[in-house]
Amino acid sequence: MTHLLHLDSSMRTEGSRSRKLSAHFADAWRAANPGGTVTYRDLAADPLPHLDQDAFLANVLAPEDRTPAQQAARELTETVVDELLAADEVVVGMPLYNFSAPTTFKAWSDRIVVPGLTIGEGGGLLGRVRITFTTARGGGYGPGTPREGWDHRAPWLLHALTAVGITDVRFIETELTLARESPAMAPLDLGAAEDKSLADAYAAIDALFAERSAAA
């Protein structure tokens, strides 16, 4: 049975484009996999503790040598890892905060790098998993813009995920999401460009599943 792990990381609930896109992806996935199952985790509403010394040491100490705090940290790590190990596919709704990923997602990513569970002697063990990020950013960061290259999510994620063997990674992006909300951006009259960017992202998700259906 196929399984999808669906994560959201935006602090916004109402109006979050990354959440809307990840939900659209999950709906398309369910339609394409009628017998499949989905696990959902909201990293903003229920944030994981950031990696601390107890969580780190729990991954390198034998169970009998762990303190109670280390054992509790290890149990949480195993819960998060088990959700990932059960998945054939992952979708992550991810906004851009201060030119990078939300710290709530970083806390999740630190929990999945675990020797013996997701990393073996030969490297990462999750090569079968594919992951899609439905991303949103408030301004324009495309080629030729003043902030081209300021979005540091993709370069970091492509490198970080290889640690656990995940190399099938794609990004479906929308931008200019603050075109109507930001006082600095409102006079630029970018609302139509914002709408097109979001529509293009929905279309990209639909095209992805149409391509999969045609190949099946």
Protein backbone atom coordinates (compact mmCIF):
# COMPACT_ATOMS: atom_id res chain seq x y z
CA MET A 1 0.00 0.00 0.00
CA THR A 2 1.38 3.41 -0.96
CA HIS A 3 1.75 6.06 1.71
CA LEU A 4 2.10 9.87 1.64
CA LEU A 5 3.63 11.95 4.41
CA HIS A 6 2.14 15.47 4.27
CA LEU A 7 3.93 18.23 6.20
CA ASP A 8 3.08 21.92 6.55
CA SER A 9 5.37 24.52 8.07
CA SER A 10 3.76 27.93 7.52
CA MET A 11 2.91 29.89 10.66
CA ARG A 12 -0.11 31.19 8.74
CA THR A 13 -3.26 29.12 8.63
CA GLU A 14 -5.63 31.47 6.80
CA GLY A 15 -4.25 32.63 3.47
CA SER A 16 -1.17 30.44 3.38
CA ARG A 17 -0.34 29.63 -0.23
CA SER A 18 2.13 26.89 0.67
CA ARG A 19 -0.59 25.14 2.69
CA LYS A 20 -3.11 25.47 -0.13
CA LEU A 21 -0.64 24.00 -2.61
CA SER A 22 0.41 21.12 -0.35
CA ALA A 23 -3.28 20.33 0.24
CA HIS A 24 -3.91 20.38 -3.52
CA PHE A 25 -0.98 18.00 -3.99
CA ALA A 26 -2.31 15.68 -1.28
CA ASP A 27 -5.78 15.67 -2.85
CA ALA A 28 -4.28 14.85 -6.26
CA TRP A 29 -2.19 12.11 -4.66
CA ARG A 30 -5.27 10.55 -3.03
CA ALA A 31 -7.10 10.59 -6.35
CA ALA A 32 -4.15 8.89 -8.03
CA ASN A 33 -3.72 6.38 -5.18
CA PRO A 34 -7.25 5.42 -4.05
CA GLY A 35 -5.92 2.66 -1.82
CA GLY A 36 -3.16 4.79 -0.34
CA THR A 37 -2.87 6.29 3.13
CA VAL A 38 -1.75 9.71 4.35
CA THR A 39 -0.04 10.88 7.54
CA TYR A 40 -0.31 14.61 8.25
CA ARG A 41 1.94 16.63 10.54
CA ASP A 42 1.62 20.38 11.07
CA LEU A 43 5.07 21.55 12.10
CA ALA A 44 3.81 25.03 12.98
CA ALA A 45 0.79 24.05 15.06
CA ASP A 46 2.67 21.22 16.78
CA PRO A 47 6.37 22.14 16.54
CA LEU A 48 9.08 19.64 17.31
CA PRO A 49 11.71 20.61 19.88
CA HIS A 50 14.88 21.82 18.26
CA LEU A 51 17.82 19.45 18.37
CA ASP A 52 19.52 19.63 21.75
CA GLN A 53 22.26 17.67 23.48
CA ASP A 54 19.85 15.07 24.83
CA ALA A 55 18.41 14.35 21.39
CA PHE A 56 21.84 14.25 19.79
CA LEU A 57 23.45 11.99 22.39
CA ALA A 58 20.45 9.65 22.38
CA ASN A 59 21.32 8.77 18.79
CA VAL A 60 24.86 7.69 19.62
CA LEU A 61 24.42 6.06 23.04
CA ALA A 62 23.27 2.51 23.70
CA PRO A 63 19.72 2.38 25.13
CA GLU A 64 20.96 1.25 28.53
CA ASP A 65 23.29 4.25 28.76
CA ARG A 66 20.64 6.90 28.06
CA THR A 67 19.25 9.17 30.74
CA PRO A 68 15.46 9.45 31.01
CA ALA A 69 15.60 12.76 29.12
CA GLN A 70 17.71 11.19 26.39
CA GLN A 71 15.34 8.23 26.13
CA ALA A 72 12.34 10.55 25.80
CA ALA A 73 14.14 12.48 23.06
CA ARG A 74 14.98 9.25 21.27
CA GLU A 75 11.35 8.11 21.37
CA LEU A 76 10.24 11.35 19.73
CA THR A 77 12.96 10.97 17.10
CA GLU A 78 11.82 7.43 16.35
CA THR A 79 8.21 8.59 15.98
CA VAL A 80 9.23 11.20 13.42
CA VAL A 81 11.55 8.81 11.60
CA ASP A 82 8.92 6.06 11.52
CA GLU A 83 6.52 8.45 9.77
CA LEU A 84 9.14 9.06 7.11
CA LEU A 85 10.17 5.41 6.79
CA ALA A 86 6.54 4.49 6.14
CA ALA A 87 6.26 6.97 3.27
CA ASP A 88 6.79 6.38 -0.42
CA GLU A 89 6.31 10.08 -1.05
CA VAL A 90 6.46 13.30 0.94
CA VAL A 91 4.92 16.71 0.26
CA VAL A 92 6.00 19.73 2.29
CA GLY A 93 4.27 23.10 2.29
CA MET A 94 7.05 25.60 2.92
CA PRO A 95 7.12 29.40 3.02
CA LEU A 96 10.25 31.55 2.80
CA TYR A 97 11.20 33.23 6.07
CA ASN A 98 14.18 35.56 6.06
CA PHE A 99 15.57 33.95 2.91
CA SER A 100 15.44 30.36 4.20
CA ALA A 101 13.20 27.59 5.51
CA PRO A 102 11.14 27.96 8.69
CA THR A 103 12.94 26.78 11.80
CA THR A 104 10.04 24.41 12.43
CA PHE A 105 11.08 22.47 9.33
CA LYS A 106 14.75 22.61 10.32
CA ALA A 107 13.79 20.99 13.62
CA TRP A 108 12.09 18.19 11.68
CA SER A 109 15.02 17.73 9.32
CA ASP A 110 17.44 17.45 12.26
CA ARG A 111 15.32 14.62 13.67
CA ILE A 112 15.49 12.46 10.55
CA VAL A 113 19.29 12.23 10.31
CA VAL A 114 19.81 9.16 12.49
CA PRO A 115 22.64 6.63 12.13
CA GLY A 116 21.22 3.14 11.97
CA LEU A 117 17.72 4.31 11.05
CA THR A 118 18.09 6.59 8.04
CA ILE A 119 21.86 6.38 7.50
CA GLY A 120 23.77 3.14 7.04
CA GLU A 121 27.43 2.36 6.56
CA GLY A 122 27.08 3.07 2.83
CA GLY A 123 25.13 6.31 3.19
CA GLY A 124 21.48 7.30 3.25
CA LEU A 125 18.80 4.61 3.34
CA LEU A 126 15.83 6.55 1.90
CA GLY A 127 16.65 6.51 -1.79
CA ARG A 128 13.20 5.17 -2.66
CA VAL A 129 11.41 8.23 -1.23
CA ARG A 130 10.48 11.18 -3.43
CA ILE A 131 9.71 14.58 -1.97
CA THR A 132 7.94 17.65 -3.33
CA PHE A 133 8.12 21.09 -1.74
CA THR A 134 5.23 23.42 -2.46
CA THR A 135 6.88 26.72 -1.69
CA ALA A 136 5.75 30.31 -1.34
CA ARG A 137 7.68 33.56 -1.11
CA GLY A 138 6.35 37.04 -0.55
CA GLY A 139 8.40 38.86 -3.18
CA GLY A 140 10.02 38.19 -6.49
CA TYR A 141 13.24 36.17 -6.51
CA GLY A 142 13.40 35.02 -10.12
CA PRO A 143 16.14 35.56 -12.69
CA GLY A 144 16.92 39.21 -13.24
CA THR A 145 15.29 40.43 -10.03
CA PRO A 146 17.27 42.31 -7.36
CA ARG A 147 16.87 39.31 -5.03
CA GLU A 148 17.82 36.59 -7.46
CA GLY A 149 19.77 34.00 -5.48
CA TRP A 150 18.49 35.16 -2.09
CA ASP A 151 16.17 32.17 -1.66
CA HIS A 152 18.47 29.70 0.10
CA ARG A 153 15.96 26.90 0.66
CA ALA A 154 16.53 24.79 -2.44
CA PRO A 155 20.36 24.66 -2.33
CA TRP A 156 20.33 23.69 1.33
CA LEU A 157 17.55 21.12 0.95
CA LEU A 158 19.14 19.43 -2.06
CA HIS A 159 22.34 18.95 -0.06
CA ALA A 160 20.75 18.12 3.30
CA LEU A 161 18.41 15.44 1.98
CA THR A 162 21.25 13.53 0.34
CA ALA A 163 22.43 12.70 3.87
CA VAL A 164 19.50 10.29 4.17
CA GLY A 165 19.63 9.23 0.51
CA ILE A 166 16.76 11.31 -0.88
CA THR A 167 17.66 12.64 -4.31
CA ASP A 168 14.24 12.69 -6.03
CA VAL A 169 13.37 16.26 -5.00
CA ARG A 170 11.19 18.79 -6.79
CA PHE A 171 10.02 22.32 -6.05
CA ILE A 172 6.67 23.79 -7.10
CA GLU A 173 6.85 27.49 -6.38
CA THR A 174 4.61 30.50 -6.12
CA GLU A 175 5.79 34.01 -5.34
CA LEU A 176 4.69 37.60 -4.92
CA THR A 177 2.29 36.39 -2.25
CA LEU A 178 2.56 39.73 -0.41
CA ALA A 179 1.76 41.77 -3.52
CA ARG A 180 -1.56 42.95 -2.10
CA GLU A 181 -0.68 42.81 1.60
CA SER A 182 2.65 44.61 1.83
CA PRO A 183 2.45 48.43 1.89
CA ALA A 184 5.77 48.53 0.04
CA MET A 185 4.56 46.20 -2.72
CA ALA A 186 0.95 47.34 -3.13
CA PRO A 187 1.80 50.42 -5.26
CA LEU A 188 3.65 48.15 -7.74
CA ASP A 189 0.32 46.66 -8.90
CA LEU A 190 1.59 43.06 -8.92
CA GLY A 191 -1.72 41.42 -8.06
CA ALA A 192 -2.19 39.91 -11.50
CA ALA A 193 1.35 38.53 -11.44
CA GLU A 194 0.67 37.03 -8.01
CA ASP A 195 -2.49 35.35 -9.28
CA LYS A 196 -0.67 33.94 -12.30
CA SER A 197 2.15 32.59 -10.18
CA LEU A 198 -0.31 30.75 -7.93
CA ALA A 199 -2.30 29.44 -10.90
CA ASP A 200 0.91 28.20 -12.51
CA ALA A 201 1.79 26.32 -9.31
CA TYR A 202 -1.60 24.59 -9.22
CA ALA A 203 -1.19 23.73 -12.89
CA ALA A 204 2.26 22.29 -12.24
CA ILE A 205 0.83 19.93 -9.62
CA ASP A 206 -1.94 18.85 -11.98
CA ALA A 207 0.57 18.32 -14.80
CA LEU A 208 2.76 16.20 -12.52
CA PHE A 209 -0.06 13.79 -11.74
CA ALA A 210 -1.30 13.78 -15.32
CA GLU A 211 2.20 12.76 -16.40
CA ARG A 212 2.27 9.99 -13.81
CA SER A 213 -1.12 8.74 -14.93
CA ALA A 214 -0.03 8.66 -18.55
CA ALA A 215 3.11 6.73 -17.63
CA ALA A 216 1.26 4.16 -15.50
